[in-house]
């Protein structure tokens, strides 16, 4: 059950968000007036943006440990987030082939049951919203992933915070996946509702790190506006109005060119063992990957390859035994210059206590046609975090 203290805290955060709205409107108005030009109405091009605010309520996915034993996961959670976004409209851009997804950045403020144990987490993040409903629908459905950085957490401390066996650092990765509905209420305003999953974790860079997994529902409002309306208002008596929201057409045909390429990826990271809990000691890890990737079209692809991983945390083993070869296969979803990759692999030799299988969810950004940067999470024993990889790669061959 959600207690009264949670509701009070959530209302307080909502009031604080009101000032973000006011500040945003003041800054936006000043910038638009400063850039005002004498243009004829037919020369003014639409430029759509939006702001939104949502409240989230829900519960924890419970796990074993001190938090569960002491009932700290029983009272649920609440949060508020504020977003600013852009709506692309160009009929030949990459967005036209993905149902014109909107994107932007946001701020999250959460209340997680007991601030003395969890802290008062805030987060900054980027998001992209992929609409899945037909353009003419008044009530639309979309999938919206968000990725960012959480701060102001209260980490585990053997003396001052021994109950928090889920978070070992003040900062963590923020990941949210929202399955949301939008009801076009008025010319400018949308009603928002949906359900979402949130994960907070530092990828075992610092332990303990079972992470926090939250799920629940959300409600909110979105205000759609046309940035160039101020230019239309040169004659304030004309009452001429630009459209406030983008009238989404059907998607353009997908680029169905098929191609293959070989990629090489080198990455490193830092992590701790259970014996290092409470210390500042970090040990190095390494991943080297050679992949053969096949793209069915510009959106979907598969890959398979070999891994060579080195874990310096295995201090009980000689250096040569810390190397672990593996094989993997995976799926890639691509948009703009980004790839979202999901890989599943298994070790060829000794697992060194890491389990039979591992996964690697990752986000790749293509700096050029040949060079890319990537950040990913390598797991152990199925889905438990092992370490976060940061690295670069290149494509020496493609055909």
Foldseek 3Di string as FASTA:
>chain_A
DADPVQVVVAVVVVVVVVVVVVVVVVVLVVVLVVPADQDDPVVDDWWKKKKKKKKWWFFWPDDDALCVVVVQRVNTKMKMKIWIKGFDDDCPDLCLQQLGKIKGKMKMWMDRRDCQAWFTKMWIKIKIWGWDDALVDQKTKIKMKIKTKIAGTDADAVPRHPRHQAAQDRMWIKIKIWTKIWHNDDQFKIKIKTKMKIWTFRLQLAGPHNTIIIIGMMIIMMGMATSCQVNVCPPVPPPDDDRRDDRGHHGDDFAQDKKKFKKKKKWKFWHADPVQHNHPDIWMKIKIWIKIKIDRTQFKIKIKTKMWIATVNPVVDPRVVRIWIKIKIWMWGDTDQKIFIKIKMATPDDPSPQAGIKIKTKMWGAPDPFKIWMKIFIHGNYDHRDTIITIMMTTPDMD
